[in-house]
PDB file of N, CA and C in Angstrom:
ATOM      1  N   MET A   1       0.845  -1.184   0.000  1.00  0.00           N
ATOM      2  CA  MET A   1       0.000   0.000   0.000  1.00  0.00           C
ATOM      3  C   MET A   1       0.890   1.246   0.000  1.00  0.00           C
ATOM      4  N   GLU A   2       0.719   2.083  -0.994  1.00  0.00           N
ATOM      5  CA  GLU A   2       1.554   3.268  -1.114  1.00  0.00           C
ATOM      6  C   GLU A   2       0.968   4.415  -0.310  1.00  0.00           C
ATOM      7  N   LYS A   3       1.850   5.073   0.432  1.00  0.00           N
ATOM      8  CA  LYS A   3       1.458   6.251   1.188  1.00  0.00           C
ATOM      9  C   LYS A   3       2.118   7.448   0.535  1.00  0.00           C
ATOM     10  N   ASN A   4       1.403   8.543   0.478  1.00  0.00           N
ATOM     11  CA  ASN A   4       1.969   9.768  -0.058  1.00  0.00           C
ATOM     12  C   ASN A   4       1.999  10.816   1.036  1.00  0.00           C
ATOM     13  N   LEU A   5       2.990  11.681   0.967  1.00  0.00           N
ATOM     14  CA  LEU A   5       3.113  12.796   1.887  1.00  0.00           C
ATOM     15  C   LEU A   5       2.959  14.067   1.072  1.00  0.00           C
ATOM     16  N   ILE A   6       2.178  15.001   1.575  1.00  0.00           N
ATOM     17  CA  ILE A   6       1.998  16.289   0.925  1.00  0.00           C
ATOM     18  C   ILE A   6       2.782  17.332   1.713  1.00  0.00           C
ATOM     19  N   LEU A   7       3.676  18.035   1.045  1.00  0.00           N
ATOM     20  CA  LEU A   7       4.462  19.099   1.666  1.00  0.00           C
ATOM     21  C   LEU A   7       4.088  20.430   1.043  1.00  0.00           C
ATOM     22  N   SER A   8       3.947  21.440   1.857  1.00  0.00           N
ATOM     23  CA  SER A   8       3.773  22.795   1.363  1.00  0.00           C
ATOM     24  C   SER A   8       5.122  23.497   1.452  1.00  0.00           C
ATOM     25  N   VAL A   9       5.645  23.901   0.309  1.00  0.00           N
ATOM     26  CA  VAL A   9       6.914  24.624   0.266  1.00  0.00           C
ATOM     27  C   VAL A   9       6.561  26.077  -0.034  1.00  0.00           C
ATOM     28  N   GLN A  10       6.299  26.809   1.032  1.00  0.00           N
ATOM     29  CA  GLN A  10       5.740  28.153   0.910  1.00  0.00           C
ATOM     30  C   GLN A  10       6.645  29.116   0.164  1.00  0.00           C
ATOM     31  N   SER A  11       7.948  29.013   0.360  1.00  0.00           N
ATOM     32  CA  SER A  11       8.860  29.950  -0.294  1.00  0.00           C
ATOM     33  C   SER A  11       8.831  29.811  -1.820  1.00  0.00           C
ATOM     34  N   LEU A  12       8.437  28.644  -2.308  1.00  0.00           N
ATOM     35  CA  LEU A  12       8.317  28.416  -3.748  1.00  0.00           C
ATOM     36  C   LEU A  12       6.879  28.539  -4.231  1.00  0.00           C
ATOM     37  N   GLY A  13       5.932  28.635  -3.295  1.00  0.00           N
ATOM     38  CA  GLY A  13       4.525  28.656  -3.676  1.00  0.00           C
ATOM     39  C   GLY A  13       4.100  27.344  -4.307  1.00  0.00           C
ATOM     40  N   GLU A  14       4.627  26.231  -3.779  1.00  0.00           N
ATOM     41  CA  GLU A  14       4.345  24.914  -4.336  1.00  0.00           C
ATOM     42  C   GLU A  14       3.875  23.945  -3.264  1.00  0.00           C
ATOM     43  N   VAL A  15       3.181  22.923  -3.730  1.00  0.00           N
ATOM     44  CA  VAL A  15       2.831  21.771  -2.909  1.00  0.00           C
ATOM     45  C   VAL A  15       3.481  20.573  -3.575  1.00  0.00           C
ATOM     46  N   TRP A  16       4.182  19.779  -2.779  1.00  0.00           N
ATOM     47  CA  TRP A  16       4.860  18.588  -3.291  1.00  0.00           C
ATOM     48  C   TRP A  16       4.169  17.351  -2.764  1.00  0.00           C
ATOM     49  N   GLU A  17       3.945  16.378  -3.642  1.00  0.00           N
ATOM     50  CA  GLU A  17       3.418  15.077  -3.239  1.00  0.00           C
ATOM     51  C   GLU A  17       4.530  14.051  -3.424  1.00  0.00           C
ATOM     52  N   LEU A  18       4.862  13.362  -2.324  1.00  0.00           N
ATOM     53  CA  LEU A  18       5.956  12.397  -2.341  1.00  0.00           C
ATOM     54  C   LEU A  18       5.428  10.977  -2.229  1.00  0.00           C
ATOM     55  N   PRO A  19       5.881  10.063  -3.109  1.00  0.00           N
ATOM     56  CA  PRO A  19       5.536   8.651  -2.946  1.00  0.00           C
ATOM     57  C   PRO A  19       6.272   8.070  -1.740  1.00  0.00           C
ATOM     58  N   ASP A  20       5.823   6.919  -1.292  1.00  0.00           N
ATOM     59  CA  ASP A  20       6.335   6.345  -0.038  1.00  0.00           C
ATOM     60  C   ASP A  20       7.845   6.151  -0.019  1.00  0.00           C
ATOM     61  N   ASP A  21       8.463   5.761  -1.151  1.00  0.00           N
ATOM     62  CA  ASP A  21       9.912   5.555  -1.127  1.00  0.00           C
ATOM     63  C   ASP A  21      10.665   6.860  -0.876  1.00  0.00           C
ATOM     64  N   LEU A  22      10.130   7.966  -1.372  1.00  0.00           N
ATOM     65  CA  LEU A  22      10.780   9.250  -1.131  1.00  0.00           C
ATOM     66  C   LEU A  22      10.455   9.803   0.254  1.00  0.00           C
ATOM     67  N   VAL A  23       9.319   9.419   0.809  1.00  0.00           N
ATOM     68  CA  VAL A  23       9.003   9.811   2.190  1.00  0.00           C
ATOM     69  C   VAL A  23      10.074   9.244   3.121  1.00  0.00           C
ATOM     70  N   LEU A  24      10.450   7.993   2.894  1.00  0.00           N
ATOM     71  CA  LEU A  24      11.496   7.367   3.711  1.00  0.00           C
ATOM     72  C   LEU A  24      12.831   8.094   3.558  1.00  0.00           C
ATOM     73  N   LYS A  25      13.165   8.490   2.334  1.00  0.00           N
ATOM     74  CA  LYS A  25      14.412   9.227   2.108  1.00  0.00           C
ATOM     75  C   LYS A  25      14.372  10.591   2.792  1.00  0.00           C
ATOM     76  N   LEU A  26      13.221  11.245   2.755  1.00  0.00           N
ATOM     77  CA  LEU A  26      13.088  12.546   3.410  1.00  0.00           C
ATOM     78  C   LEU A  26      13.244  12.412   4.918  1.00  0.00           C
ATOM     79  N   GLU A  27      12.613  11.406   5.497  1.00  0.00           N
ATOM     80  CA  GLU A  27      12.726  11.198   6.948  1.00  0.00           C
ATOM     81  C   GLU A  27      14.178  10.933   7.339  1.00  0.00           C
ATOM     82  N   ALA A  28      14.884  10.140   6.540  1.00  0.00           N
ATOM     83  CA  ALA A  28      16.296   9.867   6.820  1.00  0.00           C
ATOM     84  C   ALA A  28      17.121  11.150   6.704  1.00  0.00           C
ATOM     85  N   TYR A  29      16.817  11.966   5.707  1.00  0.00           N
ATOM     86  CA  TYR A  29      17.542  13.228   5.522  1.00  0.00           C
ATOM     87  C   TYR A  29      17.310  14.160   6.707  1.00  0.00           C
ATOM     88  N   LYS A  30      16.062  14.224   7.167  1.00  0.00           N
ATOM     89  CA  LYS A  30      15.736  15.121   8.279  1.00  0.00           C
ATOM     90  C   LYS A  30      16.360  14.662   9.592  1.00  0.00           C
ATOM     91  N   THR A  31      16.743  13.402   9.700  1.00  0.00           N
ATOM     92  CA  THR A  31      17.431  12.926  10.898  1.00  0.00           C
ATOM     93  C   THR A  31      18.760  13.660  11.060  1.00  0.00           C
ATOM     94  N   GLY A  32      19.474  13.837   9.968  1.00  0.00           N
ATOM     95  CA  GLY A  32      20.753  14.539  10.006  1.00  0.00           C
ATOM     96  C   GLY A  32      20.645  16.032   9.792  1.00  0.00           C
ATOM     97  N   ASN A  33      19.485  16.481   9.346  1.00  0.00           N
ATOM     98  CA  ASN A  33      19.248  17.896   9.054  1.00  0.00           C
ATOM     99  C   ASN A  33      17.898  18.285   9.648  1.00  0.00           C
ATOM    100  N   PRO A  34      17.828  18.394  10.971  1.00  0.00           N
ATOM    101  CA  PRO A  34      16.526  18.582  11.617  1.00  0.00           C
ATOM    102  C   PRO A  34      15.877  19.933  11.316  1.00  0.00           C
ATOM    103  N   ILE A  35      14.568  19.892  11.293  1.00  0.00           N
ATOM    104  CA  ILE A  35      13.776  21.107  11.130  1.00  0.00           C
ATOM    105  C   ILE A  35      13.649  21.765  12.499  1.00  0.00           C
ATOM    106  N   ALA A  36      13.819  23.075  12.537  1.00  0.00           N
ATOM    107  CA  ALA A  36      13.731  23.836  13.786  1.00  0.00           C
ATOM    108  C   ALA A  36      12.333  23.707  14.386  1.00  0.00           C
ATOM    109  N   PRO A  37      12.233  23.794  15.717  1.00  0.00           N
ATOM    110  CA  PRO A  37      10.919  23.683  16.369  1.00  0.00           C
ATOM    111  C   PRO A  37       9.881  24.679  15.843  1.00  0.00           C
ATOM    112  N   ASP A  38      10.332  25.855  15.416  1.00  0.00           N
ATOM    113  CA  ASP A  38       9.386  26.851  14.890  1.00  0.00           C
ATOM    114  C   ASP A  38       9.186  26.728  13.376  1.00  0.00           C
ATOM    115  N   ASN A  39       9.742  25.687  12.773  1.00  0.00           N
ATOM    116  CA  ASN A  39       9.637  25.420  11.328  1.00  0.00           C
ATOM    117  C   ASN A  39      10.275  26.498  10.460  1.00  0.00           C
ATOM    118  N   SER A  40      11.107  27.354  11.043  1.00  0.00           N
ATOM    119  CA  SER A  40      11.682  28.468  10.289  1.00  0.00           C
ATOM    120  C   SER A  40      12.595  28.017   9.149  1.00  0.00           C
ATOM    121  N   ASN A  41      13.145  26.818   9.250  1.00  0.00           N
ATOM    122  CA  ASN A  41      14.050  26.338   8.202  1.00  0.00           C
ATOM    123  C   ASN A  41      13.459  25.197   7.376  1.00  0.00           C
ATOM    124  N   ALA A  42      12.176  24.932   7.528  1.00  0.00           N
ATOM    125  CA  ALA A  42      11.561  23.777   6.861  1.00  0.00           C
ATOM    126  C   ALA A  42      11.679  23.851   5.342  1.00  0.00           C
ATOM    127  N   ASP A  43      11.348  24.998   4.751  1.00  0.00           N
ATOM    128  CA  ASP A  43      11.425  25.108   3.298  1.00  0.00           C
ATOM    129  C   ASP A  43      12.847  24.866   2.806  1.00  0.00           C
ATOM    130  N   GLN A  44      13.836  25.416   3.503  1.00  0.00           N
ATOM    131  CA  GLN A  44      15.227  25.242   3.081  1.00  0.00           C
ATOM    132  C   GLN A  44      15.657  23.785   3.186  1.00  0.00           C
ATOM    133  N   ILE A  45      15.266  23.113   4.268  1.00  0.00           N
ATOM    134  CA  ILE A  45      15.590  21.684   4.426  1.00  0.00           C
ATOM    135  C   ILE A  45      14.977  20.890   3.276  1.00  0.00           C
ATOM    136  N   HIS A  46      13.709  21.158   2.963  1.00  0.00           N
ATOM    137  CA  HIS A  46      13.036  20.420   1.894  1.00  0.00           C
ATOM    138  C   HIS A  46      13.683  20.704   0.538  1.00  0.00           C
ATOM    139  N   GLN A  47      14.064  21.954   0.279  1.00  0.00           N
ATOM    140  CA  GLN A  47      14.710  22.282  -0.994  1.00  0.00           C
ATOM    141  C   GLN A  47      16.099  21.650  -1.094  1.00  0.00           C
ATOM    142  N   ASP A  48      16.851  21.649   0.001  1.00  0.00           N
ATOM    143  CA  ASP A  48      18.173  21.013  -0.004  1.00  0.00           C
ATOM    144  C   ASP A  48      18.051  19.510  -0.243  1.00  0.00           C
ATOM    145  N   TRP A  49      17.054  18.894   0.397  1.00  0.00           N
ATOM    146  CA  TRP A  49      16.811  17.463   0.207  1.00  0.00           C
ATOM    147  C   TRP A  49      16.473  17.180  -1.256  1.00  0.00           C
ATOM    148  N   PHE A  50      15.589  17.990  -1.837  1.00  0.00           N
ATOM    149  CA  PHE A  50      15.187  17.801  -3.227  1.00  0.00           C
ATOM    150  C   PHE A  50      16.402  17.909  -4.151  1.00  0.00           C
ATOM    151  N   ALA A  51      17.268  18.884  -3.891  1.00  0.00           N
ATOM    152  CA  ALA A  51      18.458  19.080  -4.722  1.00  0.00           C
ATOM    153  C   ALA A  51      19.409  17.890  -4.640  1.00  0.00           C
ATOM    154  N   ALA A  52      19.384  17.178  -3.517  1.00  0.00           N
ATOM    155  CA  ALA A  52      20.271  16.021  -3.337  1.00  0.00           C
ATOM    156  C   ALA A  52      19.745  14.758  -4.014  1.00  0.00           C
ATOM    157  N   LEU A  53      18.501  14.775  -4.467  1.00  0.00           N
ATOM    158  CA  LEU A  53      17.924  13.609  -5.137  1.00  0.00           C
ATOM    159  C   LEU A  53      18.493  13.454  -6.539  1.00  0.00           C
ATOM    160  N   SER A  54      18.445  12.238  -7.039  1.00  0.00           N
ATOM    161  CA  SER A  54      18.832  11.999  -8.432  1.00  0.00           C
ATOM    162  C   SER A  54      17.744  12.583  -9.339  1.00  0.00           C
ATOM    163  N   PRO A  55      18.068  12.844 -10.608  1.00  0.00           N
ATOM    164  CA  PRO A  55      17.047  13.348 -11.529  1.00  0.00           C
ATOM    165  C   PRO A  55      15.827  12.424 -11.614  1.00  0.00           C
ATOM    166  N   GLU A  56      16.060  11.121 -11.558  1.00  0.00           N
ATOM    167  CA  GLU A  56      14.949  10.167 -11.622  1.00  0.00           C
ATOM    168  C   GLU A  56      14.045  10.308 -10.397  1.00  0.00           C
ATOM    169  N   GLU A  57      14.670  10.493  -9.236  1.00  0.00           N
ATOM    170  CA  GLU A  57      13.880  10.662  -8.010  1.00  0.00           C
ATOM    171  C   GLU A  57      13.137  11.994  -8.029  1.00  0.00           C
ATOM    172  N   GLN A  58      13.782  13.041  -8.537  1.00  0.00           N
ATOM    173  CA  GLN A  58      13.122  14.346  -8.616  1.00  0.00           C
ATOM    174  C   GLN A  58      11.862  14.277  -9.470  1.00  0.00           C
ATOM    175  N   GLU A  59      11.903  13.457 -10.518  1.00  0.00           N
ATOM    176  CA  GLU A  59      10.737  13.314 -11.392  1.00  0.00           C
ATOM    177  C   GLU A  59       9.556  12.670 -10.679  1.00  0.00           C
ATOM    178  N   LYS A  60       9.814  11.916  -9.609  1.00  0.00           N
ATOM    179  CA  LYS A  60       8.740  11.263  -8.855  1.00  0.00           C
ATOM    180  C   LYS A  60       7.978  12.235  -7.965  1.00  0.00           C
ATOM    181  N   VAL A  61       8.581  13.396  -7.696  1.00  0.00           N
ATOM    182  CA  VAL A  61       7.940  14.380  -6.819  1.00  0.00           C
ATOM    183  C   VAL A  61       6.902  15.145  -7.628  1.00  0.00           C
ATOM    184  N   GLY A  62       5.651  15.060  -7.187  1.00  0.00           N
ATOM    185  CA  GLY A  62       4.589  15.814  -7.836  1.00  0.00           C
ATOM    186  C   GLY A  62       4.616  17.244  -7.325  1.00  0.00           C
ATOM    187  N   ARG A  63       5.020  18.182  -8.176  1.00  0.00           N
ATOM    188  CA  ARG A  63       5.135  19.589  -7.776  1.00  0.00           C
ATOM    189  C   ARG A  63       4.026  20.379  -8.442  1.00  0.00           C
ATOM    190  N   LYS A  64       3.253  21.084  -7.612  1.00  0.00           N
ATOM    191  CA  LYS A  64       2.144  21.887  -8.128  1.00  0.00           C
ATOM    192  C   LYS A  64       2.222  23.278  -7.527  1.00  0.00           C
ATOM    193  N   LYS A  65       2.021  24.275  -8.363  1.00  0.00           N
ATOM    194  CA  LYS A  65       1.970  25.659  -7.893  1.00  0.00           C
ATOM    195  C   LYS A  65       0.668  25.876  -7.130  1.00  0.00           C
ATOM    196  N   THR A  66       0.753  26.708  -6.103  1.00  0.00           N
ATOM    197  CA  THR A  66      -0.447  27.070  -5.349  1.00  0.00           C
ATOM    198  C   THR A  66      -0.739  28.538  -5.582  1.00  0.00           C
ATOM    199  N   ASP A  67      -1.985  28.907  -5.349  1.00  0.00           N
ATOM    200  CA  ASP A  67      -2.376  30.311  -5.446  1.00  0.00           C
ATOM    201  C   ASP A  67      -2.490  30.938  -4.072  1.00  0.00           C
ATOM    202  N   GLU A  68      -2.148  30.163  -3.023  1.00  0.00           N
ATOM    203  CA  GLU A  68      -2.297  30.653  -1.662  1.00  0.00           C
ATOM    204  C   GLU A  68      -1.358  31.809  -1.359  1.00  0.00           C
ATOM    205  N   GLN A  69      -0.253  31.934  -2.081  1.00  0.00           N
ATOM    206  CA  GLN A  69       0.697  33.008  -1.828  1.00  0.00           C
ATOM    207  C   GLN A  69       0.168  34.343  -2.341  1.00  0.00           C
ATOM    208  N   ALA A  70      -0.717  34.300  -3.317  1.00  0.00           N
ATOM    209  CA  ALA A  70      -1.258  35.546  -3.870  1.00  0.00           C
ATOM    210  C   ALA A  70      -2.214  36.180  -2.870  1.00  0.00           C
ATOM    211  N   GLY A  71      -2.113  37.502  -2.771  1.00  0.00           N
ATOM    212  CA  GLY A  71      -3.073  38.170  -1.899  1.00  0.00           C
ATOM    213  C   GLY A  71      -2.461  38.866  -0.841  1.00  0.00           C
TER     214      GLY A  71
END
């Protein structure tokens, strides 16, 4: 059974959907690169993690623009 994780990357105005295999990679990455308690570095951690993925893995991430930033 595949689980997906939805991430909001506010600095990019995007929502990312991750398949279960990438959720595991993200959790492992965050172990060594923890998100601050106030989430102030969450977007940067997620972007750094994404940049470290292979091109094939990056293609698995469903990236969608949001309109929530407008306004």
